[in-house]
C-alpha atoms as a PDB file:
ATOM      1  CA  MET A   1     -15.224 -20.701  13.179  1.00  0.00           C
ATOM      2  CA  LYS A   2     -14.188 -22.192   9.843  1.00  0.00           C
ATOM      3  CA  ALA A   3     -17.456 -24.358  10.108  1.00  0.00           C
ATOM      4  CA  SER A   4     -19.407 -21.330  10.348  1.00  0.00           C
ATOM      5  CA  ILE A   5     -17.872 -19.843   7.221  1.00  0.00           C
ATOM      6  CA  TRP A   6     -18.505 -22.544   5.241  1.00  0.00           C
ATOM      7  CA  LYS A   7     -21.911 -22.779   6.365  1.00  0.00           C
ATOM      8  CA  ASN A   8     -22.465 -18.910   5.223  1.00  0.00           C
ATOM      9  CA  SER A   9     -20.672 -19.682   1.811  1.00  0.00           C
ATOM     10  CA  ILE A  10     -23.232 -22.559   1.117  1.00  0.00           C
ATOM     11  CA  LEU A  11     -26.136 -20.659   2.175  1.00  0.00           C
ATOM     12  CA  SER A  12     -25.088 -17.521   0.388  1.00  0.00           C
ATOM     13  CA  PHE A  13     -24.566 -19.709  -2.883  1.00  0.00           C
ATOM     14  CA  THR A  14     -27.913 -21.423  -2.500  1.00  0.00           C
ATOM     15  CA  ALA A  15     -29.732 -18.311  -2.318  1.00  0.00           C
ATOM     16  CA  ALA A  16     -27.640 -17.006  -5.538  1.00  0.00           C
ATOM     17  CA  VAL A  17     -28.830 -20.325  -7.433  1.00  0.00           C
ATOM     18  CA  ILE A  18     -32.397 -19.810  -6.232  1.00  0.00           C
ATOM     19  CA  LEU A  19     -32.669 -16.291  -7.527  1.00  0.00           C
ATOM     20  CA  LEU A  20     -30.955 -17.682 -10.894  1.00  0.00           C
ATOM     21  CA  LEU A  21     -33.750 -20.176 -11.040  1.00  0.00           C
ATOM     22  CA  LEU A  22     -36.740 -17.744 -10.314  1.00  0.00           C
ATOM     23  CA  TRP A  23     -35.307 -15.284 -13.004  1.00  0.00           C
ATOM     24  CA  GLN A  24     -35.121 -17.852 -15.472  1.00  0.00           C
ATOM     25  CA  LEU A  25     -38.721 -19.141 -14.496  1.00  0.00           C
ATOM     26  CA  GLY A  26     -40.033 -15.527 -14.749  1.00  0.00           C
ATOM     27  CA  SER A  27     -38.336 -14.806 -18.193  1.00  0.00           C
ATOM     28  CA  ASN A  28     -39.501 -17.919 -19.349  1.00  0.00           C
ATOM     29  CA  TRP A  29     -43.224 -17.369 -18.094  1.00  0.00           C
ATOM     30  CA  ILE A  30     -43.290 -13.787 -19.572  1.00  0.00           C
ATOM     31  CA  ASP A  31     -41.649 -14.983 -22.916  1.00  0.00           C
ATOM     32  CA  ALA A  32     -40.539 -11.296 -23.881  1.00  0.00           C
ATOM     33  CA  GLU A  33     -36.791 -10.432 -23.872  1.00  0.00           C
ATOM     34  CA  ILE A  34     -37.455  -6.993 -23.586  1.00  0.00           C
ATOM     35  CA  ILE A  35     -39.467  -7.072 -20.536  1.00  0.00           C
ATOM     36  CA  LEU A  36     -36.885  -9.740 -18.635  1.00  0.00           C
ATOM     37  CA  PRO A  37     -34.136 -11.105 -20.866  1.00  0.00           C
ATOM     38  CA  PRO A  38     -33.015 -14.574 -19.562  1.00  0.00           C
ATOM     39  CA  PRO A  39     -29.558 -14.781 -17.468  1.00  0.00           C
ATOM     40  CA  GLY A  40     -28.021 -16.062 -20.302  1.00  0.00           C
ATOM     41  CA  LYS A  41     -28.860 -13.759 -22.591  1.00  0.00           C
ATOM     42  CA  VAL A  42     -27.567 -11.070 -20.030  1.00  0.00           C
ATOM     43  CA  LEU A  43     -24.484 -13.190 -19.639  1.00  0.00           C
ATOM     44  CA  ALA A  44     -24.072 -13.084 -23.239  1.00  0.00           C
ATOM     45  CA  GLU A  45     -24.380  -9.365 -23.552  1.00  0.00           C
ATOM     46  CA  VAL A  46     -21.665  -8.859 -20.885  1.00  0.00           C
ATOM     47  CA  TYR A  47     -19.211 -10.919 -22.737  1.00  0.00           C
ATOM     48  CA  THR A  48     -19.930  -8.909 -25.918  1.00  0.00           C
ATOM     49  CA  ILE A  49     -19.700  -5.735 -23.654  1.00  0.00           C
ATOM     50  CA  VAL A  50     -16.404  -6.669 -22.222  1.00  0.00           C
ATOM     51  CA  ALA A  51     -14.842  -7.857 -25.520  1.00  0.00           C
ATOM     52  CA  SER A  52     -15.831  -4.388 -26.780  1.00  0.00           C
ATOM     53  CA  ARG A  53     -13.210  -1.272 -27.872  1.00  0.00           C
ATOM     54  CA  VAL A  54     -15.055   1.003 -25.557  1.00  0.00           C
ATOM     55  CA  PHE A  55     -15.740  -1.011 -22.515  1.00  0.00           C
ATOM     56  CA  ILE A  56     -12.371   0.216 -21.034  1.00  0.00           C
ATOM     57  CA  ALA A  57     -13.144   3.719 -21.801  1.00  0.00           C
ATOM     58  CA  ASP A  58     -16.641   3.579 -20.211  1.00  0.00           C
ATOM     59  CA  LEU A  59     -15.172   1.769 -17.025  1.00  0.00           C
ATOM     60  CA  LYS A  60     -12.204   3.819 -16.183  1.00  0.00           C
ATOM     61  CA  ALA A  61     -14.758   6.966 -16.610  1.00  0.00           C
ATOM     62  CA  THR A  62     -16.885   5.674 -14.381  1.00  0.00           C
ATOM     63  CA  PHE A  63     -14.434   4.586 -11.853  1.00  0.00           C
ATOM     64  CA  SER A  64     -12.338   7.748 -12.019  1.00  0.00           C
ATOM     65  CA  ARG A  65     -15.551   9.864 -11.280  1.00  0.00           C
ATOM     66  CA  GLY A  66     -16.426   7.530  -8.641  1.00  0.00           C
ATOM     67  CA  LEU A  67     -12.603   7.831  -7.223  1.00  0.00           C
ATOM     68  CA  TRP A  68     -12.617  11.221  -7.347  1.00  0.00           C
ATOM     69  CA  SER A  69     -16.071  12.064  -5.733  1.00  0.00           C
ATOM     70  CA  PHE A  70     -15.047   9.456  -2.882  1.00  0.00           C
ATOM     71  CA  LEU A  71     -11.721  11.355  -2.157  1.00  0.00           C
ATOM     72  CA  LEU A  72     -13.230  14.493  -2.197  1.00  0.00           C
ATOM     73  CA  VAL A  73     -15.741  13.649   0.220  1.00  0.00           C
ATOM     74  CA  MET A  74     -13.499  11.824   2.751  1.00  0.00           C
ATOM     75  CA  SER A  75     -11.281  15.005   2.693  1.00  0.00           C
ATOM     76  CA  THR A  76     -13.783  17.386   3.070  1.00  0.00           C
ATOM     77  CA  GLY A  77     -15.890  15.383   5.148  1.00  0.00           C
ATOM     78  CA  LEU A  78     -12.953  14.456   7.661  1.00  0.00           C
ATOM     79  CA  ALA A  79     -12.251  18.026   8.022  1.00  0.00           C
ATOM     80  CA  ALA A  80     -15.672  19.496   8.650  1.00  0.00           C
ATOM     81  CA  GLY A  81     -16.754  16.499  10.627  1.00  0.00           C
ATOM     82  CA  ILE A  82     -13.765  17.033  13.147  1.00  0.00           C
ATOM     83  CA  ALA A  83     -14.796  20.729  13.489  1.00  0.00           C
ATOM     84  CA  ALA A  84     -18.177  19.689  13.953  1.00  0.00           C
ATOM     85  CA  GLY A  85     -17.484  17.424  16.806  1.00  0.00           C
ATOM     86  CA  LYS A  86     -15.098  20.028  18.619  1.00  0.00           C
ATOM     87  CA  TYR A  87     -17.215  23.099  18.202  1.00  0.00           C
ATOM     88  CA  ALA A  88     -20.930  23.525  18.656  1.00  0.00           C
ATOM     89  CA  VAL A  89     -21.151  26.666  16.978  1.00  0.00           C
ATOM     90  CA  VAL A  90     -19.746  24.601  13.854  1.00  0.00           C
ATOM     91  CA  ASN A  91     -22.174  21.717  14.002  1.00  0.00           C
ATOM     92  CA  ALA A  92     -25.258  24.340  14.396  1.00  0.00           C
ATOM     93  CA  SER A  93     -23.936  25.910  11.354  1.00  0.00           C
ATOM     94  CA  PHE A  94     -23.895  22.587   9.381  1.00  0.00           C
ATOM     95  CA  ARG A  95     -27.513  21.254  10.480  1.00  0.00           C
ATOM     96  CA  PRO A  96     -29.457  23.011   8.017  1.00  0.00           C
ATOM     97  CA  LEU A  97     -27.259  22.315   5.126  1.00  0.00           C
ATOM     98  CA  LEU A  98     -27.254  18.939   6.140  1.00  0.00           C
ATOM     99  CA  ALA A  99     -30.917  18.845   6.783  1.00  0.00           C
ATOM    100  CA  VAL A 100     -31.733  20.049   3.112  1.00  0.00           C
ATOM    101  CA  ILE A 101     -28.947  17.537   1.520  1.00  0.00           C
ATOM    102  CA  LYS A 102     -30.406  14.432   3.055  1.00  0.00           C
ATOM    103  CA  THR A 103     -34.236  15.646   2.455  1.00  0.00           C
ATOM    104  CA  THR A 104     -33.538  16.518  -1.112  1.00  0.00           C
ATOM    105  CA  PRO A 105     -34.053  13.787  -3.869  1.00  0.00           C
ATOM    106  CA  VAL A 106     -31.418  12.234  -5.735  1.00  0.00           C
ATOM    107  CA  MET A 107     -32.575  13.100  -8.940  1.00  0.00           C
ATOM    108  CA  SER A 108     -33.555  16.739  -8.114  1.00  0.00           C
ATOM    109  CA  ILE A 109     -29.931  17.271  -7.184  1.00  0.00           C
ATOM    110  CA  ILE A 110     -28.794  15.531 -10.500  1.00  0.00           C
ATOM    111  CA  LEU A 111     -31.185  17.758 -12.580  1.00  0.00           C
ATOM    112  CA  ILE A 112     -30.104  20.874 -10.791  1.00  0.00           C
ATOM    113  CA  ALA A 113     -26.295  19.847 -11.246  1.00  0.00           C
ATOM    114  CA  ILE A 114     -26.831  19.346 -15.334  1.00  0.00           C
ATOM    115  CA  VAL A 115     -27.859  23.153 -15.020  1.00  0.00           C
ATOM    116  CA  TRP A 116     -24.548  24.274 -13.589  1.00  0.00           C
ATOM    117  CA  PHE A 117     -21.779  21.671 -14.446  1.00  0.00           C
ATOM    118  CA  HIS A 118     -20.437  19.950 -17.460  1.00  0.00           C
ATOM    119  CA  THR A 119     -22.135  16.344 -17.891  1.00  0.00           C
ATOM    120  CA  GLY A 120     -19.080  15.001 -16.791  1.00  0.00           C
ATOM    121  CA  THR A 121     -18.881  16.672 -13.491  1.00  0.00           C
ATOM    122  CA  VAL A 122     -22.319  16.052 -12.665  1.00  0.00           C
ATOM    123  CA  PRO A 123     -22.051  12.621 -11.325  1.00  0.00           C
ATOM    124  CA  VAL A 124     -18.952  13.476  -9.333  1.00  0.00           C
ATOM    125  CA  PHE A 125     -20.879  16.705  -7.572  1.00  0.00           C
ATOM    126  CA  ALA A 126     -24.173  14.602  -7.035  1.00  0.00           C
ATOM    127  CA  ALA A 127     -22.225  11.383  -5.420  1.00  0.00           C
ATOM    128  CA  PHE A 128     -20.214  14.137  -3.214  1.00  0.00           C
ATOM    129  CA  LEU A 129     -23.271  16.191  -2.075  1.00  0.00           C
ATOM    130  CA  ILE A 130     -25.359  12.682  -1.186  1.00  0.00           C
ATOM    131  CA  THR A 131     -22.426  11.259   0.675  1.00  0.00           C
ATOM    132  CA  PHE A 132     -21.248  14.071   2.505  1.00  0.00           C
ATOM    133  CA  PRO A 133     -23.501  14.278   5.394  1.00  0.00           C
ATOM    134  CA  ILE A 134     -22.715  10.454   5.904  1.00  0.00           C
ATOM    135  CA  ILE A 135     -18.992  11.326   6.357  1.00  0.00           C
ATOM    136  CA  ILE A 136     -19.671  14.728   8.295  1.00  0.00           C
ATOM    137  CA  GLU A 137     -21.979  13.142  10.870  1.00  0.00           C
ATOM    138  CA  ASN A 138     -19.721   9.822  11.408  1.00  0.00           C
ATOM    139  CA  CYS A 139     -16.542  12.070  11.977  1.00  0.00           C
ATOM    140  CA  ALA A 140     -18.446  14.306  14.308  1.00  0.00           C
ATOM    141  CA  ALA A 141     -19.892  11.400  16.410  1.00  0.00           C
ATOM    142  CA  GLY A 142     -16.706  10.097  16.590  1.00  0.00           C
ATOM    143  CA  ILE A 143     -15.282  13.348  18.009  1.00  0.00           C
ATOM    144  CA  ARG A 144     -17.887  13.325  20.675  1.00  0.00           C
ATOM    145  CA  GLU A 145     -17.046  10.055  21.666  1.00  0.00           C
ATOM    146  CA  THR A 146     -13.752  10.702  22.306  1.00  0.00           C
ATOM    147  CA  ASP A 147     -12.654  10.025  26.019  1.00  0.00           C
ATOM    148  CA  LYS A 148     -12.878  13.411  27.950  1.00  0.00           C
ATOM    149  CA  HIS A 149     -10.420  12.243  30.462  1.00  0.00           C
ATOM    150  CA  LEU A 150      -7.496  11.637  28.028  1.00  0.00           C
ATOM    151  CA  ILE A 151      -8.374  15.183  26.165  1.00  0.00           C
ATOM    152  CA  GLU A 152      -8.175  16.610  30.099  1.00  0.00           C
ATOM    153  CA  MET A 153      -4.926  15.117  30.707  1.00  0.00           C
ATOM    154  CA  ALA A 154      -3.491  16.196  27.227  1.00  0.00           C
ATOM    155  CA  ALA A 155      -4.199  19.904  28.287  1.00  0.00           C
ATOM    156  CA  LEU A 156      -2.879  19.469  31.575  1.00  0.00           C
ATOM    157  CA  TYR A 157       0.274  18.056  30.559  1.00  0.00           C
ATOM    158  CA  GLN A 158       0.243  20.813  27.808  1.00  0.00           C
ATOM    159  CA  ILE A 159       0.340  18.628  24.864  1.00  0.00           C
ATOM    160  CA  PRO A 160       0.291  19.829  21.601  1.00  0.00           C
ATOM    161  CA  PRO A 161      -3.485  20.116  20.053  1.00  0.00           C
ATOM    162  CA  LEU A 162      -2.202  18.313  16.611  1.00  0.00           C
ATOM    163  CA  ASP A 163      -0.543  15.436  18.909  1.00  0.00           C
ATOM    164  CA  VAL A 164      -3.914  15.332  20.564  1.00  0.00           C
ATOM    165  CA  LEU A 165      -5.585  14.970  17.355  1.00  0.00           C
ATOM    166  CA  VAL A 166      -3.599  12.474  15.880  1.00  0.00           C
ATOM    167  CA  SER A 167      -2.829  10.441  19.059  1.00  0.00           C
ATOM    168  CA  VAL A 168      -6.201  10.399  20.775  1.00  0.00           C
ATOM    169  CA  SER A 169      -9.434  12.014  18.670  1.00  0.00           C
ATOM    170  CA  ILE A 170      -8.324  10.184  15.193  1.00  0.00           C
ATOM    171  CA  PRO A 171      -8.288   6.419  16.863  1.00  0.00           C
ATOM    172  CA  SER A 172     -11.248   7.281  18.635  1.00  0.00           C
ATOM    173  CA  MET A 173     -12.942   8.536  15.464  1.00  0.00           C
ATOM    174  CA  LEU A 174     -11.729   5.527  13.382  1.00  0.00           C
ATOM    175  CA  PRO A 175     -14.535   3.048  13.831  1.00  0.00           C
ATOM    176  CA  TYR A 176     -17.075   5.697  12.654  1.00  0.00           C
ATOM    177  CA  ILE A 177     -14.753   6.700   9.670  1.00  0.00           C
ATOM    178  CA  ILE A 178     -14.474   3.367   8.668  1.00  0.00           C
ATOM    179  CA  SER A 179     -18.515   2.736   8.826  1.00  0.00           C
ATOM    180  CA  GLY A 180     -19.195   5.833   7.337  1.00  0.00           C
ATOM    181  CA  ALA A 181     -16.593   5.340   4.629  1.00  0.00           C
ATOM    182  CA  ARG A 182     -18.180   1.812   3.852  1.00  0.00           C
ATOM    183  CA  THR A 183     -21.334   3.149   3.465  1.00  0.00           C
ATOM    184  CA  ALA A 184     -20.184   5.946   1.105  1.00  0.00           C
ATOM    185  CA  ILE A 185     -18.399   3.687  -1.270  1.00  0.00           C
ATOM    186  CA  GLY A 186     -21.488   1.650  -2.141  1.00  0.00           C
ATOM    187  CA  LEU A 187     -23.703   4.820  -2.379  1.00  0.00           C
ATOM    188  CA  THR A 188     -21.454   6.736  -4.474  1.00  0.00           C
ATOM    189  CA  TRP A 189     -21.638   4.222  -7.400  1.00  0.00           C
ATOM    190  CA  LYS A 190     -25.309   4.129  -7.095  1.00  0.00           C
ATOM    191  CA  VAL A 191     -25.261   8.080  -7.400  1.00  0.00           C
ATOM    192  CA  ILE A 192     -22.417   8.290  -9.900  1.00  0.00           C
ATOM    193  CA  VAL A 193     -24.421   5.993 -12.334  1.00  0.00           C
ATOM    194  CA  ALA A 194     -27.739   7.799 -12.084  1.00  0.00           C
ATOM    195  CA  GLY A 195     -25.788  10.894 -12.665  1.00  0.00           C
ATOM    196  CA  GLU A 196     -24.328   9.541 -15.908  1.00  0.00           C
ATOM    197  CA  ILE A 197     -27.882   8.173 -17.009  1.00  0.00           C
ATOM    198  CA  LEU A 198     -29.200  11.547 -16.918  1.00  0.00           C
ATOM    199  CA  SER A 199     -26.285  13.790 -17.966  1.00  0.00           C
ATOM    200  CA  LEU A 200     -25.003  11.586 -20.320  1.00  0.00           C
ATOM    201  CA  PRO A 201     -21.418  12.519 -20.624  1.00  0.00           C
ATOM    202  CA  ARG A 202     -19.234  10.685 -23.424  1.00  0.00           C
ATOM    203  CA  ASN A 203     -18.105   7.609 -21.525  1.00  0.00           C
ATOM    204  CA  GLY A 204     -19.438   5.849 -18.748  1.00  0.00           C
ATOM    205  CA  ILE A 205     -21.649   2.875 -17.527  1.00  0.00           C
ATOM    206  CA  GLY A 206     -24.659   4.943 -16.939  1.00  0.00           C
ATOM    207  CA  SER A 207     -24.349   6.461 -20.315  1.00  0.00           C
ATOM    208  CA  GLN A 208     -24.467   3.131 -21.986  1.00  0.00           C
ATOM    209  CA  MET A 209     -27.333   1.863 -19.673  1.00  0.00           C
ATOM    210  CA  GLN A 210     -29.530   5.042 -21.192  1.00  0.00           C
ATOM    211  CA  LEU A 211     -28.345   4.539 -24.552  1.00  0.00           C
ATOM    212  CA  SER A 212     -29.263   0.898 -24.422  1.00  0.00           C
ATOM    213  CA  GLN A 213     -32.498   1.415 -23.005  1.00  0.00           C
ATOM    214  CA  LEU A 214     -33.426   4.205 -25.657  1.00  0.00           C
ATOM    215  CA  ASN A 215     -32.691   1.143 -28.293  1.00  0.00           C
ATOM    216  CA  LEU A 216     -34.915  -1.169 -26.250  1.00  0.00           C
ATOM    217  CA  GLU A 217     -32.000  -3.445 -25.602  1.00  0.00           C
ATOM    218  CA  THR A 218     -33.208  -4.793 -22.359  1.00  0.00           C
ATOM    219  CA  GLY A 219     -30.477  -7.350 -22.060  1.00  0.00           C
ATOM    220  CA  LYS A 220     -28.086  -4.694 -22.259  1.00  0.00           C
ATOM    221  CA  VAL A 221     -29.508  -2.557 -19.620  1.00  0.00           C
ATOM    222  CA  PHE A 222     -29.304  -5.590 -17.568  1.00  0.00           C
ATOM    223  CA  ALA A 223     -25.547  -6.395 -18.599  1.00  0.00           C
ATOM    224  CA  TRP A 224     -24.642  -2.859 -17.621  1.00  0.00           C
ATOM    225  CA  THR A 225     -26.438  -2.975 -14.373  1.00  0.00           C
ATOM    226  CA  LEU A 226     -24.721  -6.092 -13.434  1.00  0.00           C
ATOM    227  CA  ILE A 227     -21.313  -4.496 -14.451  1.00  0.00           C
ATOM    228  CA  ALA A 228     -22.017  -1.950 -12.052  1.00  0.00           C
ATOM    229  CA  ILE A 229     -22.787  -4.085  -9.198  1.00  0.00           C
ATOM    230  CA  LEU A 230     -19.745  -5.872  -9.659  1.00  0.00           C
ATOM    231  CA  LEU A 231     -17.666  -2.588  -9.710  1.00  0.00           C
ATOM    232  CA  SER A 232     -19.293  -1.668  -6.462  1.00  0.00           C
ATOM    233  CA  ALA A 233     -18.659  -5.036  -4.825  1.00  0.00           C
ATOM    234  CA  LEU A 234     -15.258  -5.004  -6.118  1.00  0.00           C
ATOM    235  CA  SER A 235     -14.669  -1.672  -4.505  1.00  0.00           C
ATOM    236  CA  GLN A 236     -16.160  -2.619  -1.280  1.00  0.00           C
ATOM    237  CA  GLY A 237     -13.902  -5.917  -1.469  1.00  0.00           C
ATOM    238  CA  LEU A 238     -11.000  -3.746  -1.810  1.00  0.00           C
ATOM    239  CA  PHE A 239     -11.613  -1.396   0.965  1.00  0.00           C
ATOM    240  CA  SER A 240     -12.323  -4.023   3.321  1.00  0.00           C
ATOM    241  CA  GLY A 241      -9.195  -5.677   2.164  1.00  0.00           C
ATOM    242  CA  LEU A 242      -7.199  -3.012   2.846  1.00  0.00           C
ATOM    243  CA  LEU A 243      -8.731  -2.418   6.481  1.00  0.00           C
ATOM    244  CA  PHE A 244      -7.595  -6.168   6.987  1.00  0.00           C
ATOM    245  CA  LEU A 245      -3.998  -5.626   6.010  1.00  0.00           C
ATOM    246  CA  ALA A 246      -4.045  -2.541   8.029  1.00  0.00           C
ATOM    247  CA  LYS A 247      -5.512  -4.647  11.178  1.00  0.00           C
ATOM    248  CA  ARG A 248      -3.197  -7.557  10.941  1.00  0.00           C
ATOM    249  CA  ARG A 249      -0.154  -4.881  10.401  1.00  0.00           C
ATOM    250  CA  ARG A 250      -1.019  -3.408  13.498  1.00  0.00           C
ATOM    251  CA  THR A 251      -1.648  -6.516  15.351  1.00  0.00           C
ATOM    252  CA  LEU A 252       1.906  -7.583  14.243  1.00  0.00           C
ATOM    253  CA  ARG A 253       3.429  -4.322  15.461  1.00  0.00           C
ATOM    254  CA  THR A 254       1.856  -4.504  18.872  1.00  0.00           C
ATOM    255  CA  SER A 255       2.754  -8.180  19.378  1.00  0.00           C
ATOM    256  CA  SER A 256       6.744  -7.678  18.688  1.00  0.00           C
END
């Protein structure tokens, strides 16, 4: 197991080094920083951005929008997904809405949201709308996969519906919820930044990317992009870490 982990780590590191070398070679060949700045230039821009006074405000604004969107979609998506999984009428009612959302271009949703909402709300709304189908469909699928024999047994012994939901349905849904949440987290940051780029709120990573692009500061665009990638990776790593701790705690409880 440890040998496999070391092997995967070495392969990942090697692939990253190769990508950096290709990036540097491409930058040298093009010889125009406005088109493709070298990695060193981008890293220098990252340092300048992080050391600036406004960095924390921009990072905080984007992070709070992403967090609010994720919490909103998880709470409403779970409730709607449970209802859609249990009742065919609710599931049929949601189908047209979900089909429209999934087929509508992200940029169209953001542009419409700019007309409807304040600039700071646009990214939250867009991220919520894009990730909502993922959560509701995963939760509904988890409910449908619940062992019917357990449900029938609970009905036979007249166990309260809330207890059945907590003890039977939610544990069956958990793998689907986790899978949907992991996908939603990665997608949320992409939509949040895209929403900020188009709506230009006062603070935000996307706003800074757009301003850097307008000033033809390609190195800064790359730097802010790298910061956005790191933010997404950090949030997904934190989510995976919390899941690992929860599983370990459950295992310890079971063994004791």
